[in-house]
């Protein structure tokens, strides 16, 4: 399975590429919108601030929205946050920065009651079934580095607790646009399982073996 990682200048591409290769994928890293348009599966990384990532990824927004109709896409960290409708990060009080709108919801700052950023290992709690979390059990640990997050909703696949419950894994209604708030490429065997599940899901998706999401 060939997986294309989008290079827009704000991701830890080397370790993500290694993780996907360990998961059995053939990996292409590209900043060419035409490559992305032709990709069988996509990974949208993200490190840093939401507004910066929105600005850097702007050349790919139209093609990402287009590909979301019929392509497995995995967002990582801020890559997941970009999939939501909006974020308060980097916006004046009472305003938001617009995201891609592929998953309903708003990204907001973690509460002041905890140390921010949330950095380190934390437990996952499955919320509903999805192939991306096959083999992931309650209490499995993943590695987080973030200051912002989205609420737990019907689109949440797994949650985490840090000052509040938040979406650790989420997907769109169709199930093909998926994201992790944690870094699977830094999350040991749990992260490798997530990446392997994505590669398997993409293969099954293109073989028309993926059932429509409820």
Protein backbone atom coordinates (compact mmCIF):
# COMPACT_ATOMS: atom_id res chain seq x y z
CA UNK A 1 0.00 0.00 0.00
CA UNK A 2 1.47 3.36 -1.01
CA UNK A 3 0.85 6.13 1.51
CA UNK A 4 1.67 9.75 0.67
CA UNK A 5 2.78 11.99 3.54
CA UNK A 6 2.05 15.65 2.86
CA UNK A 7 5.11 17.84 3.33
CA UNK A 8 4.01 21.39 4.10
CA UNK A 9 6.90 22.33 6.36
CA UNK A 10 5.42 21.64 9.78
CA UNK A 11 5.81 17.94 10.50
CA UNK A 12 8.29 15.44 11.86
CA UNK A 13 8.39 13.62 8.56
CA UNK A 14 11.37 11.34 9.09
CA UNK A 15 10.04 9.48 12.13
CA UNK A 16 6.54 9.38 10.66
CA UNK A 17 7.89 7.90 7.46
CA UNK A 18 9.85 5.27 9.40
CA UNK A 19 6.77 4.38 11.42
CA UNK A 20 4.64 3.92 8.31
CA UNK A 21 7.33 1.81 6.67
CA UNK A 22 7.48 -0.39 9.79
CA UNK A 23 3.71 -0.70 9.42
CA UNK A 24 4.19 -2.14 5.94
CA UNK A 25 3.53 0.91 3.77
CA UNK A 26 5.47 2.17 0.78
CA UNK A 27 5.84 5.84 1.64
CA UNK A 28 6.03 8.88 -0.61
CA UNK A 29 6.69 12.30 0.92
CA UNK A 30 5.46 15.11 -1.32
CA UNK A 31 4.69 18.82 -1.41
CA UNK A 32 3.18 18.57 -4.91
CA UNK A 33 -0.63 19.00 -4.99
CA UNK A 34 -0.77 16.76 -8.07
CA UNK A 35 0.90 13.91 -6.15
CA UNK A 36 -1.61 14.39 -3.37
CA UNK A 37 -4.51 14.38 -5.82
CA UNK A 38 -3.32 11.03 -7.21
CA UNK A 39 -2.56 9.42 -3.82
CA UNK A 40 -4.26 6.22 -2.69
CA UNK A 41 -3.91 7.16 0.99
CA UNK A 42 -2.74 10.34 2.70
CA UNK A 43 -1.16 11.35 6.00
CA UNK A 44 -1.45 14.97 7.15
CA UNK A 45 1.16 15.65 9.86
CA UNK A 46 1.29 18.73 12.05
CA UNK A 47 3.63 20.24 14.61
CA UNK A 48 3.34 23.71 16.12
CA UNK A 49 0.49 26.22 16.11
CA UNK A 50 -2.86 25.82 14.36
CA UNK A 51 -2.74 29.16 12.52
CA UNK A 52 0.75 28.44 11.15
CA UNK A 53 -0.31 24.99 10.00
CA UNK A 54 -3.43 26.39 8.32
CA UNK A 55 -1.34 28.97 6.47
CA UNK A 56 1.34 26.47 5.39
CA UNK A 57 -1.18 23.85 4.26
CA UNK A 58 -3.39 26.32 2.37
CA UNK A 59 -2.15 25.16 -1.09
CA UNK A 60 -3.51 21.70 -0.28
CA UNK A 61 -6.88 22.62 1.24
CA UNK A 62 -8.98 22.21 -1.90
CA UNK A 63 -7.41 18.90 -2.84
CA UNK A 64 -7.74 17.60 0.73
CA UNK A 65 -11.45 18.40 0.80
CA UNK A 66 -11.78 16.72 -2.58
CA UNK A 67 -9.80 13.63 -1.49
CA UNK A 68 -11.85 13.33 1.69
CA UNK A 69 -14.73 12.13 -0.48
CA UNK A 70 -13.03 8.88 -1.50
CA UNK A 71 -9.60 8.47 0.10
CA UNK A 72 -8.33 7.28 3.50
CA UNK A 73 -6.66 10.23 5.25
CA UNK A 74 -4.87 10.15 8.60
CA UNK A 75 -4.18 13.39 10.48
CA UNK A 76 -1.52 13.43 13.20
CA UNK A 77 -1.55 15.89 16.14
CA UNK A 78 -2.21 19.34 14.60
CA UNK A 79 -3.04 17.37 11.44
CA UNK A 80 -6.11 16.08 13.30
CA UNK A 81 -6.93 19.57 14.58
CA UNK A 82 -6.88 20.95 11.03
CA UNK A 83 -9.65 18.50 10.13
CA UNK A 84 -12.06 20.20 12.54
CA UNK A 85 -14.20 23.20 11.64
CA UNK A 86 -12.30 25.75 13.72
CA UNK A 87 -9.81 26.45 16.49
CA UNK A 88 -9.40 29.19 19.07
CA UNK A 89 -5.59 28.95 18.87
CA UNK A 90 -4.04 32.11 17.48
CA UNK A 91 -7.40 33.90 17.23
CA UNK A 92 -8.47 37.11 19.01
CA UNK A 93 -10.78 36.62 22.00
CA UNK A 94 -14.21 35.48 20.87
CA UNK A 95 -13.00 34.53 17.39
CA UNK A 96 -11.67 31.38 15.75
CA UNK A 97 -9.36 30.27 12.95
CA UNK A 98 -11.12 28.22 10.27
CA UNK A 99 -10.09 24.61 9.69
CA UNK A 100 -10.89 22.18 6.89
CA UNK A 101 -14.34 21.31 8.22
CA UNK A 102 -14.00 17.57 7.60
CA UNK A 103 -14.94 16.69 11.20
CA UNK A 104 -17.52 18.77 13.10
CA UNK A 105 -16.27 20.55 16.20
CA UNK A 106 -13.97 23.19 17.66
CA UNK A 107 -10.40 22.88 18.95
CA UNK A 108 -9.82 24.70 22.24
CA UNK A 109 -7.03 25.14 24.77
CA UNK A 110 -6.54 22.67 27.59
CA UNK A 111 -7.65 24.04 30.98
CA UNK A 112 -5.35 26.11 33.17
CA UNK A 113 -5.81 23.56 35.95
CA UNK A 114 -3.12 21.37 34.35
CA UNK A 115 0.36 22.00 33.03
CA UNK A 116 0.25 23.00 29.38
CA UNK A 117 1.43 21.66 27.01
CA UNK A 118 0.30 18.14 27.77
CA UNK A 119 3.55 16.31 27.09
CA UNK A 120 4.17 12.62 27.67
CA UNK A 121 2.41 9.27 27.87
CA UNK A 122 -1.27 8.98 28.67
CA UNK A 123 -3.98 6.34 28.55
CA UNK A 124 -6.48 5.82 25.76
CA UNK A 125 -10.15 4.93 26.31
CA UNK A 126 -11.96 3.43 23.30
CA UNK A 127 -15.33 5.12 22.72
CA UNK A 128 -16.63 3.24 19.67
CA UNK A 129 -15.48 0.73 17.09
CA UNK A 130 -13.39 1.69 14.08
CA UNK A 131 -10.70 -0.30 12.23
CA UNK A 132 -8.07 2.31 13.22
CA UNK A 133 -8.24 1.12 16.84
CA UNK A 134 -8.46 -2.64 16.24
CA UNK A 135 -6.37 -4.29 18.95
CA UNK A 136 -6.20 -1.14 21.10
CA UNK A 137 -7.46 -1.71 24.63
CA UNK A 138 -8.54 0.65 27.39
CA UNK A 139 -5.43 1.70 29.29
CA UNK A 140 -3.03 1.41 26.36
CA UNK A 141 -0.63 4.35 26.36
CA UNK A 142 0.17 6.86 23.60
CA UNK A 143 2.56 9.83 23.47
CA UNK A 144 1.04 13.33 23.45
CA UNK A 145 2.51 16.79 22.85
CA UNK A 146 -0.25 19.41 22.59
CA UNK A 147 -1.89 22.42 24.19
CA UNK A 148 -5.22 22.32 22.32
CA UNK A 149 -7.80 19.59 21.78
CA UNK A 150 -11.40 18.88 20.74
CA UNK A 151 -14.39 17.71 22.77
CA UNK A 152 -15.51 14.11 22.93
CA UNK A 153 -18.48 13.76 20.56
CA UNK A 154 -20.17 11.11 18.46
CA UNK A 155 -17.23 11.37 16.04
CA UNK A 156 -14.72 10.39 18.75
CA UNK A 157 -13.21 6.90 18.43
CA UNK A 158 -10.97 7.05 21.53
CA UNK A 159 -10.65 9.61 24.29
CA UNK A 160 -8.03 10.70 26.80
CA UNK A 161 -8.14 12.53 30.14
CA UNK A 162 -5.89 15.48 30.96
CA UNK A 163 -7.62 18.25 32.84
CA UNK A 164 -10.70 17.28 30.82
CA UNK A 165 -11.82 14.48 28.52
CA UNK A 166 -10.83 15.13 24.93
CA UNK A 167 -10.79 13.35 21.57
CA UNK A 168 -7.61 11.30 21.20
CA UNK A 169 -8.81 9.64 17.96
CA UNK A 170 -11.66 10.96 15.80
CA UNK A 171 -13.12 10.40 12.33
CA UNK A 172 -15.60 11.93 9.92
CA UNK A 173 -19.05 10.45 9.45
CA UNK A 174 -17.96 8.20 6.57
CA UNK A 175 -15.02 6.92 8.63
CA UNK A 176 -12.30 7.43 6.00
CA UNK A 177 -10.94 10.72 7.42
CA UNK A 178 -9.28 9.85 10.71
CA UNK A 179 -6.97 11.65 13.11
CA UNK A 180 -4.95 11.08 16.27
CA UNK A 181 -4.20 13.83 18.78
CA UNK A 182 -1.15 11.83 19.88
CA UNK A 183 1.92 10.96 17.82
CA UNK A 184 1.64 7.31 16.72
CA UNK A 185 5.20 7.41 15.36
CA UNK A 186 6.41 8.10 18.93
CA UNK A 187 3.95 5.81 20.73
CA UNK A 188 5.77 2.47 20.69
CA UNK A 189 3.78 -0.66 19.94
CA UNK A 190 0.45 1.13 20.41
CA UNK A 191 1.42 3.69 17.78
CA UNK A 192 2.74 1.04 15.41
CA UNK A 193 -0.58 -0.79 15.73
CA UNK A 194 -2.46 2.41 14.85
CA UNK A 195 -0.28 2.97 11.77
CA UNK A 196 -0.61 -0.70 10.74
CA UNK A 197 -4.37 -0.44 11.14
CA UNK A 198 -4.42 2.62 8.88
CA UNK A 199 -2.41 0.83 6.19
CA UNK A 200 -4.73 -2.20 6.45
CA UNK A 201 -7.79 0.05 6.38
CA UNK A 202 -6.55 1.82 3.24
CA UNK A 203 -5.97 -1.51 1.50
CA UNK A 204 -9.44 -2.74 2.47
CA UNK A 205 -10.99 0.59 1.46
CA UNK A 206 -9.64 0.35 -2.07
CA UNK A 207 -10.67 -3.28 -2.27
CA UNK A 208 -14.25 -2.17 -1.41
CA UNK A 209 -14.11 -4.22 1.77
CA UNK A 210 -14.87 -1.34 4.14
CA UNK A 211 -18.47 -1.14 5.34
CA UNK A 212 -20.16 2.24 5.39
CA UNK A 213 -19.89 3.96 8.77
CA UNK A 214 -23.00 4.21 10.89
